Amino acid sequence: MKNNWEISKSHKKVLDSLFEIIKVDSIKNILDIGSGRTSIFYLTDRFKNLIIKGIIYPGDVRKIDPIKKCVKNDNYELVESDIKDFDSKEKFDLVLAHLFLGEAEKFGKNNFESILKKLFSIKTNYLILVNLFRDEINYNLILKEIALKGNILKIEYDISEHGDEYLGMLIKFND
């Protein structure tokens, strides 16, 4: 039985703002990197007619269990894989990396630069990054990758009721 958990207002505000300029009918397949209950909840609710593919580090029950418990929709598929081992020939219309970059180094001896390169190597039209300011993220490296691959269409910032600061970016990849 699913509980009545809801996405926080600040998360929803940032995500809604970043998604508002993307034409929904142009999105046919979505990859959620570092899936968690917030991102899967949001994506499955916004894109009810799509199956969301979510990547989770193998055995990460702190993410898997809340997804199973809190996400009311079932239009998702979870793939347990370290991002460095994820190899998809598929091109995605949209990739979401929600709170991923700030925690991905904690797993599998990953380092920020290799994770970032891997993330930016995934074939996609759009990449949405959402990060917490308290996480140690090298924005200089992010901006260099963006300059090589595409451009920023929108930036959104919000502070949650708990004082968490979120920075989100919508990146359009070059064709």
C-alpha atoms as a PDB file:
ATOM      1  CA  MET A   1       0.000   0.000   0.000  1.00  0.00           C
ATOM      2  CA  LYS A   2       1.338   3.403  -1.020  1.00  0.00           C
ATOM      3  CA  ASN A   3       1.488   6.158   1.549  1.00  0.00           C
ATOM      4  CA  ASN A   4       0.381   9.755   1.020  1.00  0.00           C
ATOM      5  CA  TRP A   5       3.853  11.265   0.683  1.00  0.00           C
ATOM      6  CA  GLU A   6       3.917  14.403  -1.479  1.00  0.00           C
ATOM      7  CA  ILE A   7       6.735  16.169  -3.256  1.00  0.00           C
ATOM      8  CA  SER A   8       7.937  19.314  -1.451  1.00  0.00           C
ATOM      9  CA  LYS A   9       6.789  22.701  -2.754  1.00  0.00           C
ATOM     10  CA  SER A  10      10.338  23.871  -3.491  1.00  0.00           C
ATOM     11  CA  HIS A  11      11.207  20.700  -5.432  1.00  0.00           C
ATOM     12  CA  LYS A  12       8.010  21.005  -7.437  1.00  0.00           C
ATOM     13  CA  LYS A  13       8.568  24.707  -8.101  1.00  0.00           C
ATOM     14  CA  VAL A  14      12.088  24.142  -9.442  1.00  0.00           C
ATOM     15  CA  LEU A  15      11.084  21.144 -11.570  1.00  0.00           C
ATOM     16  CA  ASP A  16       7.895  22.795 -12.906  1.00  0.00           C
ATOM     17  CA  SER A  17       9.867  25.872 -13.906  1.00  0.00           C
ATOM     18  CA  LEU A  18      12.508  23.854 -15.757  1.00  0.00           C
ATOM     19  CA  PHE A  19       9.935  21.667 -17.505  1.00  0.00           C
ATOM     20  CA  GLU A  20       7.597  24.484 -18.526  1.00  0.00           C
ATOM     21  CA  ILE A  21       9.447  25.379 -21.724  1.00  0.00           C
ATOM     22  CA  ILE A  22       9.797  21.794 -22.967  1.00  0.00           C
ATOM     23  CA  LYS A  23       7.030  20.678 -25.317  1.00  0.00           C
ATOM     24  CA  VAL A  24       5.529  17.664 -23.539  1.00  0.00           C
ATOM     25  CA  ASP A  25       4.507  15.937 -26.786  1.00  0.00           C
ATOM     26  CA  SER A  26       8.138  16.045 -27.981  1.00  0.00           C
ATOM     27  CA  ILE A  27       9.147  13.799 -25.060  1.00  0.00           C
ATOM     28  CA  LYS A  28       8.817  10.073 -25.783  1.00  0.00           C
ATOM     29  CA  ASN A  29      11.507   8.544 -23.540  1.00  0.00           C
ATOM     30  CA  ILE A  30      13.042   9.714 -20.277  1.00  0.00           C
ATOM     31  CA  LEU A  31      16.016   8.586 -18.248  1.00  0.00           C
ATOM     32  CA  ASP A  32      16.187   9.463 -14.550  1.00  0.00           C
ATOM     33  CA  ILE A  33      19.797   9.197 -13.328  1.00  0.00           C
ATOM     34  CA  GLY A  34      20.178   8.464  -9.615  1.00  0.00           C
ATOM     35  CA  SER A  35      16.448   7.970  -9.217  1.00  0.00           C
ATOM     36  CA  GLY A  36      14.776   8.723  -5.936  1.00  0.00           C
ATOM     37  CA  ARG A  37      11.215   9.057  -4.770  1.00  0.00           C
ATOM     38  CA  THR A  38      11.064  12.783  -5.644  1.00  0.00           C
ATOM     39  CA  SER A  39      12.248  12.430  -9.238  1.00  0.00           C
ATOM     40  CA  ILE A  40      10.300   9.241  -9.992  1.00  0.00           C
ATOM     41  CA  PHE A  41       7.191  10.668  -8.298  1.00  0.00           C
ATOM     42  CA  TYR A  42       7.447  13.864 -10.345  1.00  0.00           C
ATOM     43  CA  LEU A  43       8.210  12.224 -13.691  1.00  0.00           C
ATOM     44  CA  THR A  44       5.597   9.467 -13.445  1.00  0.00           C
ATOM     45  CA  ASP A  45       2.972  12.047 -12.508  1.00  0.00           C
ATOM     46  CA  ARG A  46       3.924  14.531 -15.240  1.00  0.00           C
ATOM     47  CA  PHE A  47       4.341  11.896 -17.972  1.00  0.00           C
ATOM     48  CA  LYS A  48       1.631   9.373 -17.117  1.00  0.00           C
ATOM     49  CA  ASN A  49       1.656   7.858 -20.611  1.00  0.00           C
ATOM     50  CA  LEU A  50       5.409   7.061 -20.592  1.00  0.00           C
ATOM     51  CA  ILE A  51       7.490   4.438 -18.836  1.00  0.00           C
ATOM     52  CA  ILE A  52      10.255   6.289 -16.983  1.00  0.00           C
ATOM     53  CA  LYS A  53      13.585   4.456 -16.924  1.00  0.00           C
ATOM     54  CA  GLY A  54      15.354   5.089 -13.620  1.00  0.00           C
ATOM     55  CA  ILE A  55      18.981   4.264 -12.824  1.00  0.00           C
ATOM     56  CA  ILE A  56      19.797   3.431  -9.198  1.00  0.00           C
ATOM     57  CA  TYR A  57      23.085   2.268  -7.728  1.00  0.00           C
ATOM     58  CA  PRO A  58      22.844  -1.533  -7.193  1.00  0.00           C
ATOM     59  CA  GLY A  59      21.217  -2.426  -3.881  1.00  0.00           C
ATOM     60  CA  ASP A  60      20.602   1.191  -2.798  1.00  0.00           C
ATOM     61  CA  VAL A  61      17.570   0.448  -0.593  1.00  0.00           C
ATOM     62  CA  ARG A  62      17.545   3.998   0.784  1.00  0.00           C
ATOM     63  CA  LYS A  63      16.283   4.946  -2.692  1.00  0.00           C
ATOM     64  CA  ILE A  64      14.488   1.786  -3.849  1.00  0.00           C
ATOM     65  CA  ASP A  65      12.302   1.330  -0.743  1.00  0.00           C
ATOM     66  CA  PRO A  66      10.935   4.926  -0.662  1.00  0.00           C
ATOM     67  CA  ILE A  67      10.154   4.736  -4.382  1.00  0.00           C
ATOM     68  CA  LYS A  68       8.167   1.544  -3.875  1.00  0.00           C
ATOM     69  CA  LYS A  69       6.464   2.965  -0.793  1.00  0.00           C
ATOM     70  CA  CYS A  70       5.715   6.530  -1.942  1.00  0.00           C
ATOM     71  CA  VAL A  71       5.337   6.665  -5.713  1.00  0.00           C
ATOM     72  CA  LYS A  72       1.659   6.268  -6.500  1.00  0.00           C
ATOM     73  CA  ASN A  73       2.085   5.574 -10.237  1.00  0.00           C
ATOM     74  CA  ASP A  74       3.655   2.425 -11.618  1.00  0.00           C
ATOM     75  CA  ASN A  75       4.859   3.708 -14.992  1.00  0.00           C
ATOM     76  CA  TYR A  76       8.537   3.320 -14.200  1.00  0.00           C
ATOM     77  CA  GLU A  77      11.277   0.748 -14.588  1.00  0.00           C
ATOM     78  CA  LEU A  78      14.231   0.739 -12.199  1.00  0.00           C
ATOM     79  CA  VAL A  79      17.606  -0.421 -13.468  1.00  0.00           C
ATOM     80  CA  GLU A  80      20.242  -1.113 -10.829  1.00  0.00           C
ATOM     81  CA  SER A  81      23.536   0.067 -12.297  1.00  0.00           C
ATOM     82  CA  ASP A  82      26.494   2.217 -11.345  1.00  0.00           C
ATOM     83  CA  ILE A  83      26.496   5.220 -13.667  1.00  0.00           C
ATOM     84  CA  LYS A  84      30.052   4.401 -14.767  1.00  0.00           C
ATOM     85  CA  ASP A  85      28.815   0.991 -15.982  1.00  0.00           C
ATOM     86  CA  PHE A  86      25.620   2.270 -17.591  1.00  0.00           C
ATOM     87  CA  ASP A  87      25.904   1.906 -21.350  1.00  0.00           C
ATOM     88  CA  SER A  88      22.901   2.807 -23.398  1.00  0.00           C
ATOM     89  CA  LYS A  89      22.867   2.979 -27.165  1.00  0.00           C
ATOM     90  CA  GLU A  90      19.414   4.521 -26.838  1.00  0.00           C
ATOM     91  CA  LYS A  91      18.919   8.253 -27.320  1.00  0.00           C
ATOM     92  CA  PHE A  92      16.661   9.865 -24.749  1.00  0.00           C
ATOM     93  CA  ASP A  93      14.519  12.916 -25.290  1.00  0.00           C
ATOM     94  CA  LEU A  94      15.178  13.969 -21.710  1.00  0.00           C
ATOM     95  CA  VAL A  95      17.582  13.022 -18.926  1.00  0.00           C
ATOM     96  CA  LEU A  96      16.954  14.176 -15.358  1.00  0.00           C
ATOM     97  CA  ALA A  97      19.773  14.158 -12.818  1.00  0.00           C
ATOM     98  CA  HIS A  98      17.967  15.267  -9.656  1.00  0.00           C
ATOM     99  CA  LEU A  99      20.307  15.551  -6.642  1.00  0.00           C
ATOM    100  CA  PHE A 100      22.608  13.064  -8.386  1.00  0.00           C
ATOM    101  CA  LEU A 101      25.916  14.892  -8.784  1.00  0.00           C
ATOM    102  CA  GLY A 102      26.187  15.745  -5.117  1.00  0.00           C
ATOM    103  CA  GLU A 103      26.022  12.148  -3.974  1.00  0.00           C
ATOM    104  CA  ALA A 104      27.320   9.985  -6.825  1.00  0.00           C
ATOM    105  CA  GLU A 105      30.914  10.113  -5.560  1.00  0.00           C
ATOM    106  CA  LYS A 106      29.807   8.238  -2.450  1.00  0.00           C
ATOM    107  CA  PHE A 107      29.352   5.036  -4.457  1.00  0.00           C
ATOM    108  CA  GLY A 108      31.639   2.669  -6.330  1.00  0.00           C
ATOM    109  CA  LYS A 109      34.806   4.762  -6.021  1.00  0.00           C
ATOM    110  CA  ASN A 110      33.357   7.244  -8.486  1.00  0.00           C
ATOM    111  CA  ASN A 111      34.907  10.676  -8.877  1.00  0.00           C
ATOM    112  CA  PHE A 112      33.097  13.843  -9.893  1.00  0.00           C
ATOM    113  CA  GLU A 113      34.859  14.422 -13.194  1.00  0.00           C
ATOM    114  CA  SER A 114      34.283  10.895 -14.526  1.00  0.00           C
ATOM    115  CA  ILE A 115      30.639  10.938 -13.376  1.00  0.00           C
ATOM    116  CA  LEU A 116      30.083  14.266 -15.094  1.00  0.00           C
ATOM    117  CA  LYS A 117      31.705  13.065 -18.336  1.00  0.00           C
ATOM    118  CA  LYS A 118      29.563   9.929 -18.251  1.00  0.00           C
ATOM    119  CA  LEU A 119      26.404  11.962 -17.627  1.00  0.00           C
ATOM    120  CA  PHE A 120      27.190  14.285 -20.529  1.00  0.00           C
ATOM    121  CA  SER A 121      27.976  11.326 -22.814  1.00  0.00           C
ATOM    122  CA  ILE A 122      24.402  10.040 -22.640  1.00  0.00           C
ATOM    123  CA  LYS A 123      22.627  10.820 -25.896  1.00  0.00           C
ATOM    124  CA  THR A 124      19.779  13.213 -25.169  1.00  0.00           C
ATOM    125  CA  ASN A 125      18.042  16.340 -26.382  1.00  0.00           C
ATOM    126  CA  TYR A 126      17.605  17.836 -22.911  1.00  0.00           C
ATOM    127  CA  LEU A 127      19.396  17.417 -19.606  1.00  0.00           C
ATOM    128  CA  ILE A 128      17.932  18.764 -16.384  1.00  0.00           C
ATOM    129  CA  LEU A 129      20.312  19.079 -13.447  1.00  0.00           C
ATOM    130  CA  VAL A 130      19.048  19.885  -9.952  1.00  0.00           C
ATOM    131  CA  ASN A 131      21.550  20.152  -7.123  1.00  0.00           C
ATOM    132  CA  LEU A 132      21.731  21.278  -3.518  1.00  0.00           C
ATOM    133  CA  PHE A 133      24.104  24.135  -2.761  1.00  0.00           C
ATOM    134  CA  ARG A 134      25.414  22.355   0.324  1.00  0.00           C
ATOM    135  CA  ASP A 135      26.749  19.518  -1.839  1.00  0.00           C
ATOM    136  CA  GLU A 136      30.303  19.918  -3.050  1.00  0.00           C
ATOM    137  CA  ILE A 137      29.778  20.297  -6.770  1.00  0.00           C
ATOM    138  CA  ASN A 138      32.332  21.642  -9.217  1.00  0.00           C
ATOM    139  CA  TYR A 139      30.214  24.080 -11.230  1.00  0.00           C
ATOM    140  CA  ASN A 140      33.245  25.104 -13.309  1.00  0.00           C
ATOM    141  CA  LEU A 141      33.448  21.559 -14.706  1.00  0.00           C
ATOM    142  CA  ILE A 142      29.691  21.502 -15.277  1.00  0.00           C
ATOM    143  CA  LEU A 143      29.834  24.769 -17.211  1.00  0.00           C
ATOM    144  CA  LYS A 144      32.749  23.505 -19.330  1.00  0.00           C
ATOM    145  CA  GLU A 145      30.774  20.371 -20.243  1.00  0.00           C
ATOM    146  CA  ILE A 146      27.716  22.460 -21.084  1.00  0.00           C
ATOM    147  CA  ALA A 147      29.820  24.725 -23.322  1.00  0.00           C
ATOM    148  CA  LEU A 148      31.061  21.659 -25.233  1.00  0.00           C
ATOM    149  CA  LYS A 149      27.669  19.941 -25.585  1.00  0.00           C
ATOM    150  CA  GLY A 150      24.943  22.597 -25.729  1.00  0.00           C
ATOM    151  CA  ASN A 151      23.600  25.580 -23.845  1.00  0.00           C
ATOM    152  CA  ILE A 152      21.584  26.495 -20.794  1.00  0.00           C
ATOM    153  CA  LEU A 153      17.984  27.363 -21.620  1.00  0.00           C
ATOM    154  CA  LYS A 154      16.885  28.125 -18.067  1.00  0.00           C
ATOM    155  CA  ILE A 155      18.155  28.324 -14.503  1.00  0.00           C
ATOM    156  CA  GLU A 156      15.883  28.067 -11.466  1.00  0.00           C
ATOM    157  CA  TYR A 157      16.690  28.623  -7.792  1.00  0.00           C
ATOM    158  CA  ASP A 158      14.574  28.087  -4.696  1.00  0.00           C
ATOM    159  CA  ILE A 159      14.941  27.729  -0.940  1.00  0.00           C
ATOM    160  CA  SER A 160      12.834  25.085   0.767  1.00  0.00           C
ATOM    161  CA  GLU A 161      10.903  25.505   3.997  1.00  0.00           C
ATOM    162  CA  HIS A 162      13.827  23.682   5.682  1.00  0.00           C
ATOM    163  CA  GLY A 163      16.447  26.072   4.288  1.00  0.00           C
ATOM    164  CA  ASP A 164      17.732  23.779   1.538  1.00  0.00           C
ATOM    165  CA  GLU A 165      18.875  25.752  -1.503  1.00  0.00           C
ATOM    166  CA  TYR A 166      18.206  24.176  -4.897  1.00  0.00           C
ATOM    167  CA  LEU A 167      19.738  25.174  -8.200  1.00  0.00           C
ATOM    168  CA  GLY A 168      18.298  23.683 -11.367  1.00  0.00           C
ATOM    169  CA  MET A 169      19.408  23.993 -14.977  1.00  0.00           C
ATOM    170  CA  LEU A 170      17.720  23.030 -18.213  1.00  0.00           C
ATOM    171  CA  ILE A 171      20.365  22.254 -20.831  1.00  0.00           C
ATOM    172  CA  LYS A 172      19.622  21.783 -24.528  1.00  0.00           C
ATOM    173  CA  PHE A 173      22.176  19.538 -26.224  1.00  0.00           C
ATOM    174  CA  ASN A 174      23.450  20.358 -29.687  1.00  0.00           C
ATOM    175  CA  ASP A 175      22.204  18.038 -32.397  1.00  0.00           C
END
